[in-house]
Amino acid sequence: IQYRSLLKITEEQFMGPPITVVVELVAGLFLCLW
């Protein structure tokens, strides 16, 4: 959400979340599943 708001301020297109967010999602999903 913070990244998207930053992109709106700089008027850039949202192409996807940063790789750090994707790594966090995978790690959080793995921990919750375990």
PDB file of all heavy atoms in Angstrom:
ATOM      1  N   ILE A   1       0.832  -1.202   0.000  1.00  0.00           N
ATOM      2  CA  ILE A   1       0.000   0.000   0.000  1.00  0.00           C
ATOM      3  C   ILE A   1       0.867   1.252   0.000  1.00  0.00           C
ATOM      4  O   ILE A   1       0.596   2.216  -0.734  1.00  0.00           O
ATOM      5  CB  ILE A   1      -0.964  -0.026   1.203  1.00  0.00           C
ATOM      6  CG1 ILE A   1      -1.978  -1.145   1.037  1.00  0.00           C
ATOM      7  CG2 ILE A   1      -1.658   1.312   1.376  1.00  0.00           C
ATOM      8  CD1 ILE A   1      -2.796  -1.418   2.268  1.00  0.00           C
ATOM      9  N   GLN A   2       1.909   1.244   0.794  1.00  0.00           N
ATOM     10  CA  GLN A   2       2.813   2.389   0.849  1.00  0.00           C
ATOM     11  C   GLN A   2       3.530   2.582  -0.489  1.00  0.00           C
ATOM     12  O   GLN A   2       3.692   3.712  -0.965  1.00  0.00           O
ATOM     13  CB  GLN A   2       3.826   2.175   1.968  1.00  0.00           C
ATOM     14  CG  GLN A   2       4.651   3.373   2.290  1.00  0.00           C
ATOM     15  CD  GLN A   2       5.569   3.115   3.475  1.00  0.00           C
ATOM     16  OE1 GLN A   2       5.843   1.969   3.809  1.00  0.00           O
ATOM     17  NE2 GLN A   2       6.043   4.181   4.089  1.00  0.00           N
ATOM     18  N   TYR A   3       3.920   1.486  -1.131  1.00  0.00           N
ATOM     19  CA  TYR A   3       4.591   1.558  -2.424  1.00  0.00           C
ATOM     20  C   TYR A   3       3.658   2.121  -3.492  1.00  0.00           C
ATOM     21  O   TYR A   3       4.059   2.941  -4.312  1.00  0.00           O
ATOM     22  CB  TYR A   3       5.094   0.164  -2.818  1.00  0.00           C
ATOM     23  CG  TYR A   3       5.763   0.082  -4.163  1.00  0.00           C
ATOM     24  CD1 TYR A   3       7.007   0.666  -4.373  1.00  0.00           C
ATOM     25  CD2 TYR A   3       5.149  -0.568  -5.227  1.00  0.00           C
ATOM     26  CE1 TYR A   3       7.628   0.598  -5.613  1.00  0.00           C
ATOM     27  CE2 TYR A   3       5.758  -0.644  -6.461  1.00  0.00           C
ATOM     28  CZ  TYR A   3       6.991  -0.059  -6.655  1.00  0.00           C
ATOM     29  OH  TYR A   3       7.592  -0.120  -7.875  1.00  0.00           O
ATOM     30  N   ARG A   4       2.384   1.709  -3.464  1.00  0.00           N
ATOM     31  CA  ARG A   4       1.426   2.224  -4.448  1.00  0.00           C
ATOM     32  C   ARG A   4       1.156   3.704  -4.244  1.00  0.00           C
ATOM     33  O   ARG A   4       0.997   4.445  -5.210  1.00  0.00           O
ATOM     34  CB  ARG A   4       0.134   1.420  -4.377  1.00  0.00           C
ATOM     35  CG  ARG A   4       0.363   0.012  -4.909  1.00  0.00           C
ATOM     36  CD  ARG A   4      -0.808  -0.633  -5.427  1.00  0.00           C
ATOM     37  NE  ARG A   4      -1.573   0.174  -6.358  1.00  0.00           N
ATOM     38  CZ  ARG A   4      -2.601  -0.286  -7.007  1.00  0.00           C
ATOM     39  NH1 ARG A   4      -2.998  -1.517  -6.817  1.00  0.00           N
ATOM     40  NH2 ARG A   4      -3.271   0.473  -7.832  1.00  0.00           N
ATOM     41  N   SER A   5       1.098   4.128  -2.987  1.00  0.00           N
ATOM     42  CA  SER A   5       0.885   5.559  -2.753  1.00  0.00           C
ATOM     43  C   SER A   5       2.103   6.370  -3.213  1.00  0.00           C
ATOM     44  O   SER A   5       1.960   7.494  -3.710  1.00  0.00           O
ATOM     45  CB  SER A   5       0.568   5.829  -1.293  1.00  0.00           C
ATOM     46  OG  SER A   5       1.674   5.517  -0.484  1.00  0.00           O
ATOM     47  N   LEU A   6       3.300   5.816  -3.061  1.00  0.00           N
ATOM     48  CA  LEU A   6       4.508   6.485  -3.552  1.00  0.00           C
ATOM     49  C   LEU A   6       4.481   6.585  -5.075  1.00  0.00           C
ATOM     50  O   LEU A   6       4.870   7.616  -5.647  1.00  0.00           O
ATOM     51  CB  LEU A   6       5.756   5.724  -3.093  1.00  0.00           C
ATOM     52  CG  LEU A   6       7.092   6.272  -3.582  1.00  0.00           C
ATOM     53  CD1 LEU A   6       7.378   7.613  -2.909  1.00  0.00           C
ATOM     54  CD2 LEU A   6       8.198   5.282  -3.294  1.00  0.00           C
ATOM     55  N   LEU A   7       3.996   5.554  -5.745  1.00  0.00           N
ATOM     56  CA  LEU A   7       3.904   5.592  -7.202  1.00  0.00           C
ATOM     57  C   LEU A   7       2.877   6.612  -7.673  1.00  0.00           C
ATOM     58  O   LEU A   7       3.043   7.236  -8.728  1.00  0.00           O
ATOM     59  CB  LEU A   7       3.563   4.206  -7.745  1.00  0.00           C
ATOM     60  CG  LEU A   7       4.680   3.164  -7.671  1.00  0.00           C
ATOM     61  CD1 LEU A   7       4.192   1.847  -8.234  1.00  0.00           C
ATOM     62  CD2 LEU A   7       5.917   3.629  -8.399  1.00  0.00           C
ATOM     63  N   LYS A   8       1.797   6.797  -6.904  1.00  0.00           N
ATOM     64  CA  LYS A   8       0.800   7.805  -7.271  1.00  0.00           C
ATOM     65  C   LYS A   8       1.380   9.213  -7.154  1.00  0.00           C
ATOM     66  O   LYS A   8       1.078  10.086  -7.967  1.00  0.00           O
ATOM     67  CB  LYS A   8      -0.434   7.675  -6.372  1.00  0.00           C
ATOM     68  CG  LYS A   8      -1.304   6.517  -6.728  1.00  0.00           C
ATOM     69  CD  LYS A   8      -2.518   6.468  -5.826  1.00  0.00           C
ATOM     70  CE  LYS A   8      -3.345   5.246  -6.113  1.00  0.00           C
ATOM     71  NZ  LYS A   8      -4.504   5.142  -5.216  1.00  0.00           N
ATOM     72  N   ILE A   9       2.222   9.420  -6.138  1.00  0.00           N
ATOM     73  CA  ILE A   9       2.832  10.733  -5.962  1.00  0.00           C
ATOM     74  C   ILE A   9       3.800  11.024  -7.102  1.00  0.00           C
ATOM     75  O   ILE A   9       3.828  12.136  -7.647  1.00  0.00           O
ATOM     76  CB  ILE A   9       3.539  10.820  -4.599  1.00  0.00           C
ATOM     77  CG1 ILE A   9       2.511  10.795  -3.480  1.00  0.00           C
ATOM     78  CG2 ILE A   9       4.408  12.064  -4.498  1.00  0.00           C
ATOM     79  CD1 ILE A   9       3.111  10.663  -2.093  1.00  0.00           C
ATOM     80  N   THR A  10       4.588  10.021  -7.483  1.00  0.00           N
ATOM     81  CA  THR A  10       5.560  10.222  -8.564  1.00  0.00           C
ATOM     82  C   THR A  10       4.945  10.015  -9.940  1.00  0.00           C
ATOM     83  O   THR A  10       5.639  10.171 -10.952  1.00  0.00           O
ATOM     84  CB  THR A  10       6.754   9.262  -8.400  1.00  0.00           C
ATOM     85  OG1 THR A  10       6.281   7.919  -8.414  1.00  0.00           O
ATOM     86  CG2 THR A  10       7.496   9.550  -7.105  1.00  0.00           C
ATOM     87  N   GLU A  11       3.652   9.662 -10.012  1.00  0.00           N
ATOM     88  CA  GLU A  11       2.902   9.467 -11.257  1.00  0.00           C
ATOM     89  C   GLU A  11       3.535   8.405 -12.158  1.00  0.00           C
ATOM     90  O   GLU A  11       3.667   8.575 -13.360  1.00  0.00           O
ATOM     91  CB  GLU A  11       2.743  10.789 -12.000  1.00  0.00           C
ATOM     92  CG  GLU A  11       1.940  11.807 -11.234  1.00  0.00           C
ATOM     93  CD  GLU A  11       1.816  13.133 -11.955  1.00  0.00           C
ATOM     94  OE1 GLU A  11       2.398  13.281 -13.050  1.00  0.00           O
ATOM     95  OE2 GLU A  11       1.148  14.015 -11.428  1.00  0.00           O
ATOM     96  N   GLU A  12       3.933   7.299 -11.563  1.00  0.00           N
ATOM     97  CA  GLU A  12       4.456   6.163 -12.326  1.00  0.00           C
ATOM     98  C   GLU A  12       3.415   5.057 -12.342  1.00  0.00           C
ATOM     99  O   GLU A  12       2.493   5.023 -11.538  1.00  0.00           O
ATOM    100  CB  GLU A  12       5.754   5.646 -11.681  1.00  0.00           C
ATOM    101  CG  GLU A  12       6.899   6.638 -11.723  1.00  0.00           C
ATOM    102  CD  GLU A  12       8.139   6.082 -11.048  1.00  0.00           C
ATOM    103  OE1 GLU A  12       8.226   4.845 -10.896  1.00  0.00           O
ATOM    104  OE2 GLU A  12       8.996   6.884 -10.667  1.00  0.00           O
ATOM    105  N   GLN A  13       3.562   4.142 -13.279  1.00  0.00           N
ATOM    106  CA  GLN A  13       2.639   3.016 -13.401  1.00  0.00           C
ATOM    107  C   GLN A  13       3.014   1.917 -12.406  1.00  0.00           C
ATOM    108  O   GLN A  13       4.189   1.672 -12.160  1.00  0.00           O
ATOM    109  CB  GLN A  13       2.685   2.435 -14.826  1.00  0.00           C
ATOM    110  CG  GLN A  13       2.075   3.324 -15.862  1.00  0.00           C
ATOM    111  CD  GLN A  13       0.563   3.385 -15.722  1.00  0.00           C
ATOM    112  OE1 GLN A  13      -0.072   2.490 -15.184  1.00  0.00           O
ATOM    113  NE2 GLN A  13      -0.004   4.483 -16.192  1.00  0.00           N
ATOM    114  N   PHE A  14       1.995   1.248 -11.907  1.00  0.00           N
ATOM    115  CA  PHE A  14       2.221   0.114 -10.997  1.00  0.00           C
ATOM    116  C   PHE A  14       2.400  -1.143 -11.835  1.00  0.00           C
ATOM    117  O   PHE A  14       1.468  -1.624 -12.468  1.00  0.00           O
ATOM    118  CB  PHE A  14       1.036  -0.044 -10.036  1.00  0.00           C
ATOM    119  CG  PHE A  14       1.186  -1.188  -9.080  1.00  0.00           C
ATOM    120  CD1 PHE A  14       2.061  -1.114  -8.012  1.00  0.00           C
ATOM    121  CD2 PHE A  14       0.454  -2.357  -9.242  1.00  0.00           C
ATOM    122  CE1 PHE A  14       2.205  -2.148  -7.125  1.00  0.00           C
ATOM    123  CE2 PHE A  14       0.588  -3.403  -8.353  1.00  0.00           C
ATOM    124  CZ  PHE A  14       1.463  -3.299  -7.293  1.00  0.00           C
ATOM    125  N   MET A  15       3.592  -1.676 -11.851  1.00  0.00           N
ATOM    126  CA  MET A  15       3.877  -2.889 -12.622  1.00  0.00           C
ATOM    127  C   MET A  15       3.865  -4.133 -11.758  1.00  0.00           C
ATOM    128  O   MET A  15       3.849  -5.235 -12.264  1.00  0.00           O
ATOM    129  CB  MET A  15       5.242  -2.766 -13.306  1.00  0.00           C
ATOM    130  CG  MET A  15       5.308  -1.606 -14.247  1.00  0.00           C
ATOM    131  SD  MET A  15       4.031  -1.705 -15.471  1.00  0.00           S
ATOM    132  CE  MET A  15       4.960  -1.583 -16.935  1.00  0.00           C
ATOM    133  N   GLY A  16       3.885  -3.972 -10.467  1.00  0.00           N
ATOM    134  CA  GLY A  16       3.893  -5.096  -9.544  1.00  0.00           C
ATOM    135  C   GLY A  16       4.607  -4.690  -8.267  1.00  0.00           C
ATOM    136  O   GLY A  16       5.300  -3.672  -8.229  1.00  0.00           O
ATOM    137  N   PRO A  17       4.452  -5.487  -7.247  1.00  0.00           N
ATOM    138  CA  PRO A  17       5.120  -5.144  -5.987  1.00  0.00           C
ATOM    139  C   PRO A  17       6.630  -5.375  -6.093  1.00  0.00           C
ATOM    140  O   PRO A  17       7.094  -6.153  -6.924  1.00  0.00           O
ATOM    141  CB  PRO A  17       4.489  -6.102  -4.975  1.00  0.00           C
ATOM    142  CG  PRO A  17       4.007  -7.237  -5.789  1.00  0.00           C
ATOM    143  CD  PRO A  17       3.628  -6.683  -7.124  1.00  0.00           C
ATOM    144  N   PRO A  18       7.395  -4.708  -5.249  1.00  0.00           N
ATOM    145  CA  PRO A  18       8.844  -4.929  -5.254  1.00  0.00           C
ATOM    146  C   PRO A  18       9.187  -6.366  -4.836  1.00  0.00           C
ATOM    147  O   PRO A  18       8.385  -7.058  -4.212  1.00  0.00           O
ATOM    148  CB  PRO A  18       9.373  -3.936  -4.220  1.00  0.00           C
ATOM    149  CG  PRO A  18       8.254  -3.031  -3.892  1.00  0.00           C
ATOM    150  CD  PRO A  18       7.002  -3.688  -4.307  1.00  0.00           C
ATOM    151  N   ILE A  19      10.368  -6.796  -5.179  1.00  0.00           N
ATOM    152  CA  ILE A  19      10.788  -8.171  -4.907  1.00  0.00           C
ATOM    153  C   ILE A  19      10.853  -8.440  -3.401  1.00  0.00           C
ATOM    154  O   ILE A  19      10.598  -9.567  -2.959  1.00  0.00           O
ATOM    155  CB  ILE A  19      12.131  -8.492  -5.605  1.00  0.00           C
ATOM    156  CG1 ILE A  19      12.433  -9.992  -5.570  1.00  0.00           C
ATOM    157  CG2 ILE A  19      13.264  -7.716  -4.976  1.00  0.00           C
ATOM    158  CD1 ILE A  19      11.520 -10.808  -6.416  1.00  0.00           C
ATOM    159  N   THR A  20      11.142  -7.419  -2.602  1.00  0.00           N
ATOM    160  CA  THR A  20      11.188  -7.623  -1.145  1.00  0.00           C
ATOM    161  C   THR A  20       9.805  -7.965  -0.601  1.00  0.00           C
ATOM    162  O   THR A  20       9.687  -8.778   0.308  1.00  0.00           O
ATOM    163  CB  THR A  20      11.732  -6.367  -0.442  1.00  0.00           C
ATOM    164  OG1 THR A  20      10.918  -5.252  -0.780  1.00  0.00           O
ATOM    165  CG2 THR A  20      13.172  -6.113  -0.837  1.00  0.00           C
ATOM    166  N   VAL A  21       8.764  -7.353  -1.174  1.00  0.00           N
ATOM    167  CA  VAL A  21       7.403  -7.658  -0.742  1.00  0.00           C
ATOM    168  C   VAL A  21       7.017  -9.077  -1.155  1.00  0.00           C
ATOM    169  O   VAL A  21       6.380  -9.804  -0.393  1.00  0.00           O
ATOM    170  CB  VAL A  21       6.412  -6.619  -1.309  1.00  0.00           C
ATOM    171  CG1 VAL A  21       4.979  -7.001  -1.017  1.00  0.00           C
ATOM    172  CG2 VAL A  21       6.726  -5.239  -0.757  1.00  0.00           C
ATOM    173  N   VAL A  22       7.430  -9.488  -2.331  1.00  0.00           N
ATOM    174  CA  VAL A  22       7.132 -10.850  -2.791  1.00  0.00           C
ATOM    175  C   VAL A  22       7.831 -11.874  -1.894  1.00  0.00           C
ATOM    176  O   VAL A  22       7.246 -12.900  -1.528  1.00  0.00           O
ATOM    177  CB  VAL A  22       7.553 -11.021  -4.271  1.00  0.00           C
ATOM    178  CG1 VAL A  22       7.392 -12.457  -4.712  1.00  0.00           C
ATOM    179  CG2 VAL A  22       6.736 -10.090  -5.155  1.00  0.00           C
ATOM    180  N   VAL A  23       9.059 -11.584  -1.505  1.00  0.00           N
ATOM    181  CA  VAL A  23       9.793 -12.489  -0.606  1.00  0.00           C
ATOM    182  C   VAL A  23       9.095 -12.544   0.755  1.00  0.00           C
ATOM    183  O   VAL A  23       8.958 -13.615   1.351  1.00  0.00           O
ATOM    184  CB  VAL A  23      11.263 -12.043  -0.467  1.00  0.00           C
ATOM    185  CG1 VAL A  23      11.965 -12.791   0.641  1.00  0.00           C
ATOM    186  CG2 VAL A  23      11.989 -12.241  -1.787  1.00  0.00           C
ATOM    187  N   GLU A  24       8.624 -11.396   1.237  1.00  0.00           N
ATOM    188  CA  GLU A  24       7.877 -11.376   2.500  1.00  0.00           C
ATOM    189  C   GLU A  24       6.602 -12.191   2.393  1.00  0.00           C
ATOM    190  O   GLU A  24       6.235 -12.910   3.329  1.00  0.00           O
ATOM    191  CB  GLU A  24       7.514  -9.939   2.889  1.00  0.00           C
ATOM    192  CG  GLU A  24       8.616  -9.154   3.526  1.00  0.00           C
ATOM    193  CD  GLU A  24       8.142  -7.790   3.979  1.00  0.00           C
ATOM    194  OE1 GLU A  24       6.967  -7.650   4.366  1.00  0.00           O
ATOM    195  OE2 GLU A  24       8.948  -6.856   3.948  1.00  0.00           O
ATOM    196  N   LEU A  25       5.894 -12.075   1.287  1.00  0.00           N
ATOM    197  CA  LEU A  25       4.658 -12.842   1.099  1.00  0.00           C
ATOM    198  C   LEU A  25       4.914 -14.343   1.112  1.00  0.00           C
ATOM    199  O   LEU A  25       4.185 -15.111   1.744  1.00  0.00           O
ATOM    200  CB  LEU A  25       3.979 -12.444  -0.213  1.00  0.00           C
ATOM    201  CG  LEU A  25       3.269 -11.114  -0.228  1.00  0.00           C
ATOM    202  CD1 LEU A  25       2.812 -10.771  -1.633  1.00  0.00           C
ATOM    203  CD2 LEU A  25       2.101 -11.130   0.724  1.00  0.00           C
ATOM    204  N   VAL A  26       5.957 -14.760   0.422  1.00  0.00           N
ATOM    205  CA  VAL A  26       6.277 -16.187   0.376  1.00  0.00           C
ATOM    206  C   VAL A  26       6.689 -16.692   1.760  1.00  0.00           C
ATOM    207  O   VAL A  26       6.250 -17.764   2.202  1.00  0.00           O
ATOM    208  CB  VAL A  26       7.375 -16.466  -0.691  1.00  0.00           C
ATOM    209  CG1 VAL A  26       7.883 -17.879  -0.590  1.00  0.00           C
ATOM    210  CG2 VAL A  26       6.828 -16.187  -2.074  1.00  0.00           C
ATOM    211  N   ALA A  27       7.505 -15.903   2.465  1.00  0.00           N
ATOM    212  CA  ALA A  27       7.940 -16.309   3.803  1.00  0.00           C
ATOM    213  C   ALA A  27       6.759 -16.353   4.773  1.00  0.00           C
ATOM    214  O   ALA A  27       6.612 -17.305   5.550  1.00  0.00           O
ATOM    215  CB  ALA A  27       9.011 -15.352   4.321  1.00  0.00           C
ATOM    216  N   GLY A  28       5.897 -15.340   4.723  1.00  0.00           N
ATOM    217  CA  GLY A  28       4.721 -15.322   5.600  1.00  0.00           C
ATOM    218  C   GLY A  28       3.768 -16.456   5.290  1.00  0.00           C
ATOM    219  O   GLY A  28       3.208 -17.084   6.200  1.00  0.00           O
ATOM    220  N   LEU A  29       3.576 -16.742   4.010  1.00  0.00           N
ATOM    221  CA  LEU A  29       2.708 -17.854   3.628  1.00  0.00           C
ATOM    222  C   LEU A  29       3.273 -19.179   4.111  1.00  0.00           C
ATOM    223  O   LEU A  29       2.537 -20.019   4.640  1.00  0.00           O
ATOM    224  CB  LEU A  29       2.542 -17.882   2.104  1.00  0.00           C
ATOM    225  CG  LEU A  29       1.706 -19.025   1.552  1.00  0.00           C
ATOM    226  CD1 LEU A  29       0.250 -18.842   1.933  1.00  0.00           C
ATOM    227  CD2 LEU A  29       1.860 -19.119   0.062  1.00  0.00           C
ATOM    228  N   PHE A  30       4.572 -19.373   3.960  1.00  0.00           N
ATOM    229  CA  PHE A  30       5.197 -20.609   4.409  1.00  0.00           C
ATOM    230  C   PHE A  30       5.062 -20.775   5.929  1.00  0.00           C
ATOM    231  O   PHE A  30       4.733 -21.854   6.417  1.00  0.00           O
ATOM    232  CB  PHE A  30       6.667 -20.649   3.992  1.00  0.00           C
ATOM    233  CG  PHE A  30       7.397 -21.847   4.511  1.00  0.00           C
ATOM    234  CD1 PHE A  30       7.178 -23.096   3.965  1.00  0.00           C
ATOM    235  CD2 PHE A  30       8.293 -21.735   5.554  1.00  0.00           C
ATOM    236  CE1 PHE A  30       7.837 -24.218   4.452  1.00  0.00           C
ATOM    237  CE2 PHE A  30       8.963 -22.827   6.053  1.00  0.00           C
ATOM    238  CZ  PHE A  30       8.733 -24.074   5.497  1.00  0.00           C
ATOM    239  N   LEU A  31       5.307 -19.697   6.676  1.00  0.00           N
ATOM    240  CA  LEU A  31       5.209 -19.780   8.138  1.00  0.00           C
ATOM    241  C   LEU A  31       3.776 -20.045   8.590  1.00  0.00           C
ATOM    242  O   LEU A  31       3.536 -20.856   9.496  1.00  0.00           O
ATOM    243  CB  LEU A  31       5.741 -18.498   8.779  1.00  0.00           C
ATOM    244  CG  LEU A  31       7.245 -18.264   8.661  1.00  0.00           C
ATOM    245  CD1 LEU A  31       7.615 -16.904   9.229  1.00  0.00           C
ATOM    246  CD2 LEU A  31       8.020 -19.367   9.340  1.00  0.00           C
ATOM    247  N   CYS A  32       2.816 -19.379   7.972  1.00  0.00           N
ATOM    248  CA  CYS A  32       1.407 -19.606   8.338  1.00  0.00           C
ATOM    249  C   CYS A  32       0.967 -21.023   7.975  1.00  0.00           C
ATOM    250  O   CYS A  32       0.238 -21.663   8.737  1.00  0.00           O
ATOM    251  CB  CYS A  32       0.511 -18.587   7.651  1.00  0.00           C
ATOM    252  SG  CYS A  32       0.645 -16.939   8.336  1.00  0.00           S
ATOM    253  N   LEU A  33       1.407 -21.520   6.839  1.00  0.00           N
ATOM    254  CA  LEU A  33       1.065 -22.877   6.432  1.00  0.00           C
ATOM    255  C   LEU A  33       1.676 -23.895   7.380  1.00  0.00           C
ATOM    256  O   LEU A  33       1.010 -24.856   7.787  1.00  0.00           O
ATOM    257  CB  LEU A  33       1.535 -23.130   4.995  1.00  0.00           C
ATOM    258  CG  LEU A  33       1.219 -24.487   4.402  1.00  0.00           C
ATOM    259  CD1 LEU A  33      -0.279 -24.634   4.223  1.00  0.00           C
ATOM    260  CD2 LEU A  33       1.920 -24.652   3.086  1.00  0.00           C
ATOM    261  N   TRP A  34       2.920 -23.695   7.756  1.00  0.00           N
ATOM    262  CA  TRP A  34       3.583 -24.611   8.685  1.00  0.00           C
ATOM    263  C   TRP A  34       2.881 -24.616  10.036  1.00  0.00           C
ATOM    264  O   TRP A  34       2.662 -25.666  10.633  1.00  0.00           O
ATOM    265  CB  TRP A  34       5.054 -24.225   8.826  1.00  0.00           C
ATOM    266  CG  TRP A  34       5.819 -25.184   9.671  1.00  0.00           C
ATOM    267  CD1 TRP A  34       6.303 -26.405   9.292  1.00  0.00           C
ATOM    268  CD2 TRP A  34       6.149 -25.029  11.047  1.00  0.00           C
ATOM    269  NE1 TRP A  34       6.938 -27.000  10.358  1.00  0.00           N
ATOM    270  CE2 TRP A  34       6.853 -26.180  11.452  1.00  0.00           C
ATOM    271  CE3 TRP A  34       5.932 -24.036  11.975  1.00  0.00           C
ATOM    272  CZ2 TRP A  34       7.326 -26.345  12.726  1.00  0.00           C
ATOM    273  CZ3 TRP A  34       6.408 -24.202  13.256  1.00  0.00           C
ATOM    274  CH2 TRP A  34       7.093 -25.349  13.621  1.00  0.00           C
TER     275      TRP A  34
END
